[in-house]
């Protein structure tokens, strides 16, 4: 019984180990970089422009060519 429980517990933990699932957000630079990549506000070049939908600090979203290069530049081994 305890062996089966241990195996089930270890299989649910996986490669993550014993770290918590809700880790702190990290230093300020990491949070800012994550906010640039995962911009939660609508893009101005995709839909109609609505100045009220973006807060003042997010008024300049990334340009489309830059957005298209984020993943390939971060993971060059994918060969894109």
PDB file of N, CA and C in Angstrom:
ATOM      1  N   UNK A   1       0.825  -1.189   0.000  1.00  0.00           N
ATOM      2  CA  UNK A   1       0.000   0.000   0.000  1.00  0.00           C
ATOM      3  C   UNK A   1       0.869   1.253   0.000  1.00  0.00           C
ATOM      4  N   UNK A   2       1.848   1.319   0.876  1.00  0.00           N
ATOM      5  CA  UNK A   2       2.680   2.513   0.949  1.00  0.00           C
ATOM      6  C   UNK A   2       3.568   2.645  -0.283  1.00  0.00           C
ATOM      7  N   UNK A   3       3.975   1.525  -0.886  1.00  0.00           N
ATOM      8  CA  UNK A   3       4.786   1.584  -2.102  1.00  0.00           C
ATOM      9  C   UNK A   3       3.969   2.165  -3.252  1.00  0.00           C
ATOM     10  N   UNK A   4       2.736   1.722  -3.380  1.00  0.00           N
ATOM     11  CA  UNK A   4       1.874   2.242  -4.441  1.00  0.00           C
ATOM     12  C   UNK A   4       1.610   3.735  -4.236  1.00  0.00           C
ATOM     13  N   UNK A   5       1.417   4.128  -2.996  1.00  0.00           N
ATOM     14  CA  UNK A   5       1.197   5.548  -2.704  1.00  0.00           C
ATOM     15  C   UNK A   5       2.437   6.368  -3.035  1.00  0.00           C
ATOM     16  N   UNK A   6       3.604   5.854  -2.702  1.00  0.00           N
ATOM     17  CA  UNK A   6       4.856   6.561  -2.987  1.00  0.00           C
ATOM     18  C   UNK A   6       5.068   6.704  -4.481  1.00  0.00           C
ATOM     19  N   UNK A   7       4.820   5.647  -5.232  1.00  0.00           N
ATOM     20  CA  UNK A   7       4.965   5.702  -6.690  1.00  0.00           C
ATOM     21  C   UNK A   7       3.969   6.698  -7.283  1.00  0.00           C
ATOM     22  N   UNK A   8       2.745   6.685  -6.805  1.00  0.00           N
ATOM     23  CA  UNK A   8       1.741   7.626  -7.308  1.00  0.00           C
ATOM     24  C   UNK A   8       2.124   9.062  -6.970  1.00  0.00           C
ATOM     25  N   UNK A   9       2.638   9.271  -5.780  1.00  0.00           N
ATOM     26  CA  UNK A   9       3.050  10.614  -5.378  1.00  0.00           C
ATOM     27  C   UNK A   9       4.217  11.107  -6.214  1.00  0.00           C
ATOM     28  N   UNK A  10       5.214  10.262  -6.424  1.00  0.00           N
ATOM     29  CA  UNK A  10       6.369  10.663  -7.218  1.00  0.00           C
ATOM     30  C   UNK A  10       6.009  10.885  -8.683  1.00  0.00           C
ATOM     31  N   UNK A  11       5.059  10.134  -9.207  1.00  0.00           N
ATOM     32  CA  UNK A  11       4.668  10.330 -10.606  1.00  0.00           C
ATOM     33  C   UNK A  11       3.886  11.627 -10.794  1.00  0.00           C
ATOM     34  N   UNK A  12       3.181  12.073  -9.768  1.00  0.00           N
ATOM     35  CA  UNK A  12       2.466  13.344  -9.898  1.00  0.00           C
ATOM     36  C   UNK A  12       3.397  14.532  -9.732  1.00  0.00           C
ATOM     37  N   UNK A  13       4.464  14.365  -8.968  1.00  0.00           N
ATOM     38  CA  UNK A  13       5.431  15.447  -8.799  1.00  0.00           C
ATOM     39  C   UNK A  13       6.224  15.643 -10.078  1.00  0.00           C
ATOM     40  N   UNK A  14       6.633  14.562 -10.723  1.00  0.00           N
ATOM     41  CA  UNK A  14       7.359  14.634 -11.985  1.00  0.00           C
ATOM     42  C   UNK A  14       8.723  15.271 -11.844  1.00  0.00           C
ATOM     43  N   UNK A  15       9.155  15.971 -12.874  1.00  0.00           N
ATOM     44  CA  UNK A  15      10.485  16.575 -12.905  1.00  0.00           C
ATOM     45  C   UNK A  15      10.571  17.844 -12.072  1.00  0.00           C
ATOM     46  N   UNK A  16       9.471  18.348 -11.651  1.00  0.00           N
ATOM     47  CA  UNK A  16       9.470  19.604 -10.903  1.00  0.00           C
ATOM     48  C   UNK A  16      10.121  19.449  -9.536  1.00  0.00           C
ATOM     49  N   UNK A  17      10.139  18.259  -9.015  1.00  0.00           N
ATOM     50  CA  UNK A  17      10.749  18.049  -7.713  1.00  0.00           C
ATOM     51  C   UNK A  17       9.822  18.481  -6.598  1.00  0.00           C
ATOM     52  N   UNK A  18      10.415  18.880  -5.503  1.00  0.00           N
ATOM     53  CA  UNK A  18       9.618  19.250  -4.340  1.00  0.00           C
ATOM     54  C   UNK A  18       9.409  20.751  -4.224  1.00  0.00           C
ATOM     55  N   UNK A  19       9.671  21.499  -5.293  1.00  0.00           N
ATOM     56  CA  UNK A  19       9.422  22.936  -5.269  1.00  0.00           C
ATOM     57  C   UNK A  19       7.922  23.195  -5.189  1.00  0.00           C
ATOM     58  N   UNK A  20       7.581  24.345  -4.704  1.00  0.00           N
ATOM     59  CA  UNK A  20       6.164  24.688  -4.645  1.00  0.00           C
ATOM     60  C   UNK A  20       5.665  25.049  -6.040  1.00  0.00           C
ATOM     61  N   UNK A  21       4.387  24.861  -6.267  1.00  0.00           N
ATOM     62  CA  UNK A  21       3.812  25.180  -7.568  1.00  0.00           C
ATOM     63  C   UNK A  21       3.561  26.678  -7.713  1.00  0.00           C
ATOM     64  N   UNK A  22       3.477  27.380  -6.605  1.00  0.00           N
ATOM     65  CA  UNK A  22       3.242  28.818  -6.639  1.00  0.00           C
ATOM     66  C   UNK A  22       4.492  29.527  -6.132  1.00  0.00           C
ATOM     67  N   UNK A  23       5.468  29.615  -6.999  1.00  0.00           N
ATOM     68  CA  UNK A  23       6.726  30.246  -6.619  1.00  0.00           C
ATOM     69  C   UNK A  23       6.582  31.763  -6.674  1.00  0.00           C
ATOM     70  N   UNK A  24       7.437  32.490  -5.965  1.00  0.00           N
ATOM     71  CA  UNK A  24       7.376  33.949  -6.038  1.00  0.00           C
ATOM     72  C   UNK A  24       7.675  34.444  -7.451  1.00  0.00           C
ATOM     73  N   UNK A  25       7.203  35.622  -7.815  1.00  0.00           N
ATOM     74  CA  UNK A  25       7.364  36.097  -9.189  1.00  0.00           C
ATOM     75  C   UNK A  25       8.796  36.399  -9.599  1.00  0.00           C
ATOM     76  N   UNK A  26       9.699  36.539  -8.661  1.00  0.00           N
ATOM     77  CA  UNK A  26      11.092  36.784  -9.012  1.00  0.00           C
ATOM     78  C   UNK A  26      11.455  38.251  -8.949  1.00  0.00           C
ATOM     79  N   UNK A  27      12.690  38.574  -9.352  1.00  0.00           N
ATOM     80  CA  UNK A  27      13.134  39.969  -9.290  1.00  0.00           C
ATOM     81  C   UNK A  27      12.399  40.847 -10.304  1.00  0.00           C
ATOM     82  N   UNK A  28      12.544  42.139 -10.144  1.00  0.00           N
ATOM     83  CA  UNK A  28      11.824  43.106 -10.974  1.00  0.00           C
ATOM     84  C   UNK A  28      12.159  42.957 -12.454  1.00  0.00           C
ATOM     85  N   UNK A  29      13.419  42.721 -12.793  1.00  0.00           N
ATOM     86  CA  UNK A  29      13.800  42.575 -14.205  1.00  0.00           C
ATOM     87  C   UNK A  29      13.103  41.384 -14.848  1.00  0.00           C
ATOM     88  N   UNK A  30      12.991  40.287 -14.119  1.00  0.00           N
ATOM     89  CA  UNK A  30      12.313  39.100 -14.646  1.00  0.00           C
ATOM     90  C   UNK A  30      10.820  39.373 -14.844  1.00  0.00           C
ATOM     91  N   UNK A  31      10.209  40.083 -13.914  1.00  0.00           N
ATOM     92  CA  UNK A  31       8.794  40.416 -14.040  1.00  0.00           C
ATOM     93  C   UNK A  31       8.542  41.330 -15.234  1.00  0.00           C
ATOM     94  N   UNK A  32       9.429  42.305 -15.457  1.00  0.00           N
ATOM     95  CA  UNK A  32       9.267  43.215 -16.588  1.00  0.00           C
ATOM     96  C   UNK A  32       9.433  42.478 -17.910  1.00  0.00           C
ATOM     97  N   UNK A  33      10.408  41.581 -17.998  1.00  0.00           N
ATOM     98  CA  UNK A  33      10.609  40.818 -19.229  1.00  0.00           C
ATOM     99  C   UNK A  33       9.410  39.923 -19.508  1.00  0.00           C
ATOM    100  N   UNK A  34       8.854  39.324 -18.472  1.00  0.00           N
ATOM    101  CA  UNK A  34       7.675  38.483 -18.652  1.00  0.00           C
ATOM    102  C   UNK A  34       6.476  39.313 -19.093  1.00  0.00           C
ATOM    103  N   UNK A  35       6.337  40.523 -18.573  1.00  0.00           N
ATOM    104  CA  UNK A  35       5.221  41.385 -18.968  1.00  0.00           C
ATOM    105  C   UNK A  35       5.347  41.838 -20.414  1.00  0.00           C
ATOM    106  N   UNK A  36       6.563  42.011 -20.906  1.00  0.00           N
ATOM    107  CA  UNK A  36       6.758  42.401 -22.304  1.00  0.00           C
ATOM    108  C   UNK A  36       6.375  41.249 -23.222  1.00  0.00           C
ATOM    109  N   UNK A  37       6.774  40.041 -22.876  1.00  0.00           N
ATOM    110  CA  UNK A  37       6.488  38.880 -23.726  1.00  0.00           C
ATOM    111  C   UNK A  37       5.009  38.526 -23.679  1.00  0.00           C
ATOM    112  N   UNK A  38       4.410  38.542 -22.508  1.00  0.00           N
ATOM    113  CA  UNK A  38       3.012  38.147 -22.335  1.00  0.00           C
ATOM    114  C   UNK A  38       2.149  39.386 -22.131  1.00  0.00           C
ATOM    115  N   UNK A  39       2.116  40.248 -23.120  1.00  0.00           N
ATOM    116  CA  UNK A  39       1.342  41.487 -23.053  1.00  0.00           C
ATOM    117  C   UNK A  39      -0.147  41.137 -23.043  1.00  0.00           C
ATOM    118  N   UNK A  40      -0.867  41.427 -21.953  1.00  0.00           N
ATOM    119  CA  UNK A  40      -2.259  40.994 -21.852  1.00  0.00           C
ATOM    120  C   UNK A  40      -3.263  41.914 -22.540  1.00  0.00           C
ATOM    121  N   UNK A  41      -2.796  42.975 -23.155  1.00  0.00           N
ATOM    122  CA  UNK A  41      -3.718  43.943 -23.740  1.00  0.00           C
ATOM    123  C   UNK A  41      -3.790  43.765 -25.253  1.00  0.00           C
ATOM    124  N   UNK A  42      -4.927  44.128 -25.884  1.00  0.00           N
ATOM    125  CA  UNK A  42      -5.081  43.937 -27.325  1.00  0.00           C
ATOM    126  C   UNK A  42      -4.068  44.757 -28.125  1.00  0.00           C
ATOM    127  N   UNK A  43      -3.627  44.190 -29.227  1.00  0.00           N
ATOM    128  CA  UNK A  43      -2.647  44.856 -30.090  1.00  0.00           C
ATOM    129  C   UNK A  43      -3.349  45.877 -30.981  1.00  0.00           C
ATOM    130  N   UNK A  44      -2.681  46.997 -31.224  1.00  0.00           N
ATOM    131  CA  UNK A  44      -3.268  48.060 -32.045  1.00  0.00           C
ATOM    132  C   UNK A  44      -3.322  47.688 -33.519  1.00  0.00           C
ATOM    133  N   UNK A  45      -2.412  46.834 -33.998  1.00  0.00           N
ATOM    134  CA  UNK A  45      -2.388  46.502 -35.420  1.00  0.00           C
ATOM    135  C   UNK A  45      -3.280  45.312 -35.763  1.00  0.00           C
ATOM    136  N   UNK A  46      -3.841  44.638 -34.787  1.00  0.00           N
ATOM    137  CA  UNK A  46      -4.696  43.480 -35.049  1.00  0.00           C
ATOM    138  C   UNK A  46      -6.163  43.894 -35.119  1.00  0.00           C
ATOM    139  N   UNK A  47      -6.583  44.743 -34.203  1.00  0.00           N
ATOM    140  CA  UNK A  47      -7.976  45.161 -34.144  1.00  0.00           C
ATOM    141  C   UNK A  47      -8.093  46.666 -34.101  1.00  0.00           C
ATOM    142  N   UNK A  48      -9.280  47.163 -33.853  1.00  0.00           N
ATOM    143  CA  UNK A  48      -9.459  48.611 -33.791  1.00  0.00           C
ATOM    144  C   UNK A  48      -8.705  49.202 -32.600  1.00  0.00           C
ATOM    145  N   UNK A  49      -8.224  50.417 -32.783  1.00  0.00           N
ATOM    146  CA  UNK A  49      -7.461  51.088 -31.734  1.00  0.00           C
ATOM    147  C   UNK A  49      -8.411  51.615 -30.671  1.00  0.00           C
ATOM    148  N   UNK A  50      -8.138  51.273 -29.435  1.00  0.00           N
ATOM    149  CA  UNK A  50      -8.924  51.762 -28.314  1.00  0.00           C
ATOM    150  C   UNK A  50      -7.951  52.218 -27.237  1.00  0.00           C
ATOM    151  N   UNK A  51      -7.759  53.516 -27.119  1.00  0.00           N
ATOM    152  CA  UNK A  51      -6.767  54.061 -26.191  1.00  0.00           C
ATOM    153  C   UNK A  51      -7.105  53.748 -24.739  1.00  0.00           C
ATOM    154  N   UNK A  52      -8.365  53.537 -24.441  1.00  0.00           N
ATOM    155  CA  UNK A  52      -8.756  53.286 -23.056  1.00  0.00           C
ATOM    156  C   UNK A  52      -8.471  51.855 -22.613  1.00  0.00           C
ATOM    157  N   UNK A  53      -8.169  50.960 -23.543  1.00  0.00           N
ATOM    158  CA  UNK A  53      -7.970  49.562 -23.165  1.00  0.00           C
ATOM    159  C   UNK A  53      -6.576  49.285 -22.621  1.00  0.00           C
ATOM    160  N   UNK A  54      -5.619  50.156 -22.871  1.00  0.00           N
ATOM    161  CA  UNK A  54      -4.244  49.951 -22.403  1.00  0.00           C
ATOM    162  C   UNK A  54      -3.881  51.000 -21.357  1.00  0.00           C
ATOM    163  N   UNK A  55      -3.278  50.576 -20.233  1.00  0.00           N
ATOM    164  CA  UNK A  55      -2.829  51.562 -19.249  1.00  0.00           C
ATOM    165  C   UNK A  55      -1.672  52.387 -19.796  1.00  0.00           C
ATOM    166  N   UNK A  56      -1.371  53.523 -19.193  1.00  0.00           N
ATOM    167  CA  UNK A  56      -0.324  54.411 -19.724  1.00  0.00           C
ATOM    168  C   UNK A  56       1.040  53.743 -19.884  1.00  0.00           C
ATOM    169  N   UNK A  57       1.398  52.838 -18.999  1.00  0.00           N
ATOM    170  CA  UNK A  57       2.722  52.213 -19.103  1.00  0.00           C
ATOM    171  C   UNK A  57       2.789  51.175 -20.222  1.00  0.00           C
ATOM    172  N   UNK A  58       1.655  50.809 -20.804  1.00  0.00           N
ATOM    173  CA  UNK A  58       1.626  49.836 -21.897  1.00  0.00           C
ATOM    174  C   UNK A  58       1.207  50.470 -23.218  1.00  0.00           C
ATOM    175  N   UNK A  59       1.335  51.779 -23.384  1.00  0.00           N
ATOM    176  CA  UNK A  59       0.868  52.451 -24.590  1.00  0.00           C
ATOM    177  C   UNK A  59       1.690  52.110 -25.819  1.00  0.00           C
ATOM    178  N   UNK A  60       2.922  51.656 -25.665  1.00  0.00           N
ATOM    179  CA  UNK A  60       3.778  51.307 -26.802  1.00  0.00           C
ATOM    180  C   UNK A  60       3.986  49.797 -26.845  1.00  0.00           C
ATOM    181  N   UNK A  61       3.079  49.037 -27.477  1.00  0.00           N
ATOM    182  CA  UNK A  61       3.280  47.588 -27.565  1.00  0.00           C
ATOM    183  C   UNK A  61       4.417  47.261 -28.532  1.00  0.00           C
ATOM    184  N   UNK A  62       4.881  46.030 -28.486  1.00  0.00           N
ATOM    185  CA  UNK A  62       5.933  45.601 -29.406  1.00  0.00           C
ATOM    186  C   UNK A  62       5.410  45.592 -30.836  1.00  0.00           C
ATOM    187  N   UNK A  63       6.266  45.937 -31.773  1.00  0.00           N
ATOM    188  CA  UNK A  63       5.886  45.899 -33.188  1.00  0.00           C
ATOM    189  C   UNK A  63       5.711  44.444 -33.631  1.00  0.00           C
ATOM    190  N   UNK A  64       4.960  44.231 -34.702  1.00  0.00           N
ATOM    191  CA  UNK A  64       4.683  42.872 -35.166  1.00  0.00           C
ATOM    192  C   UNK A  64       5.944  42.084 -35.515  1.00  0.00           C
ATOM    193  N   UNK A  65       6.932  42.654 -36.222  1.00  0.00           N
ATOM    194  CA  UNK A  65       8.145  41.869 -36.494  1.00  0.00           C
ATOM    195  C   UNK A  65       8.880  41.444 -35.221  1.00  0.00           C
ATOM    196  N   UNK A  66       8.852  42.290 -34.220  1.00  0.00           N
ATOM    197  CA  UNK A  66       9.503  41.938 -32.950  1.00  0.00           C
ATOM    198  C   UNK A  66       8.726  40.831 -32.254  1.00  0.00           C
ATOM    199  N   UNK A  67       7.391  40.917 -32.250  1.00  0.00           N
ATOM    200  CA  UNK A  67       6.571  39.858 -31.636  1.00  0.00           C
ATOM    201  C   UNK A  67       6.785  38.530 -32.339  1.00  0.00           C
ATOM    202  N   UNK A  68       6.954  38.564 -33.661  1.00  0.00           N
ATOM    203  CA  UNK A  68       7.146  37.322 -34.407  1.00  0.00           C
ATOM    204  C   UNK A  68       8.493  36.674 -34.132  1.00  0.00           C
ATOM    205  N   UNK A  69       9.468  37.427 -33.644  1.00  0.00           N
ATOM    206  CA  UNK A  69      10.806  36.895 -33.385  1.00  0.00           C
ATOM    207  C   UNK A  69      11.031  36.494 -31.934  1.00  0.00           C
ATOM    208  N   UNK A  70      10.102  36.743 -31.032  1.00  0.00           N
ATOM    209  CA  UNK A  70      10.327  36.455 -29.615  1.00  0.00           C
ATOM    210  C   UNK A  70      10.609  34.978 -29.369  1.00  0.00           C
ATOM    211  N   UNK A  71       9.769  34.099 -29.846  1.00  0.00           N
ATOM    212  CA  UNK A  71       9.936  32.665 -29.595  1.00  0.00           C
ATOM    213  C   UNK A  71      11.116  32.090 -30.369  1.00  0.00           C
ATOM    214  N   UNK A  72      11.265  32.356 -31.676  1.00  0.00           N
ATOM    215  CA  UNK A  72      12.429  31.794 -32.380  1.00  0.00           C
ATOM    216  C   UNK A  72      13.765  32.256 -31.809  1.00  0.00           C
ATOM    217  N   UNK A  73      13.852  33.494 -31.358  1.00  0.00           N
ATOM    218  CA  UNK A  73      15.107  33.965 -30.778  1.00  0.00           C
ATOM    219  C   UNK A  73      15.352  33.374 -29.396  1.00  0.00           C
ATOM    220  N   UNK A  74      14.289  33.079 -28.672  1.00  0.00           N
ATOM    221  CA  UNK A  74      14.445  32.492 -27.343  1.00  0.00           C
ATOM    222  C   UNK A  74      14.766  31.005 -27.419  1.00  0.00           C
ATOM    223  N   UNK A  75      14.311  30.324 -28.481  1.00  0.00           N
ATOM    224  CA  UNK A  75      14.536  28.882 -28.627  1.00  0.00           C
ATOM    225  C   UNK A  75      15.101  28.577 -30.013  1.00  0.00           C
ATOM    226  N   UNK A  76      16.375  28.888 -30.274  1.00  0.00           N
ATOM    227  CA  UNK A  76      16.938  28.687 -31.615  1.00  0.00           C
ATOM    228  C   UNK A  76      17.042  27.223 -32.019  1.00  0.00           C
ATOM    229  N   UNK A  77      16.994  26.316 -31.073  1.00  0.00           N
ATOM    230  CA  UNK A  77      17.109  24.896 -31.406  1.00  0.00           C
ATOM    231  C   UNK A  77      15.882  24.362 -32.131  1.00  0.00           C
ATOM    232  N   UNK A  78      14.800  25.133 -32.165  1.00  0.00           N
ATOM    233  CA  UNK A  78      13.621  24.693 -32.903  1.00  0.00           C
ATOM    234  C   UNK A  78      13.802  24.860 -34.407  1.00  0.00           C
ATOM    235  N   UNK A  79      14.770  25.655 -34.824  1.00  0.00           N
ATOM    236  CA  UNK A  79      15.082  25.806 -36.237  1.00  0.00           C
ATOM    237  C   UNK A  79      14.080  26.603 -37.031  1.00  0.00           C
ATOM    238  N   UNK A  80      13.447  27.551 -36.429  1.00  0.00           N
ATOM    239  CA  UNK A  80      12.454  28.347 -37.163  1.00  0.00           C
ATOM    240  C   UNK A  80      13.086  29.552 -37.770  1.00  0.00           C
TER     241      UNK A  80
END
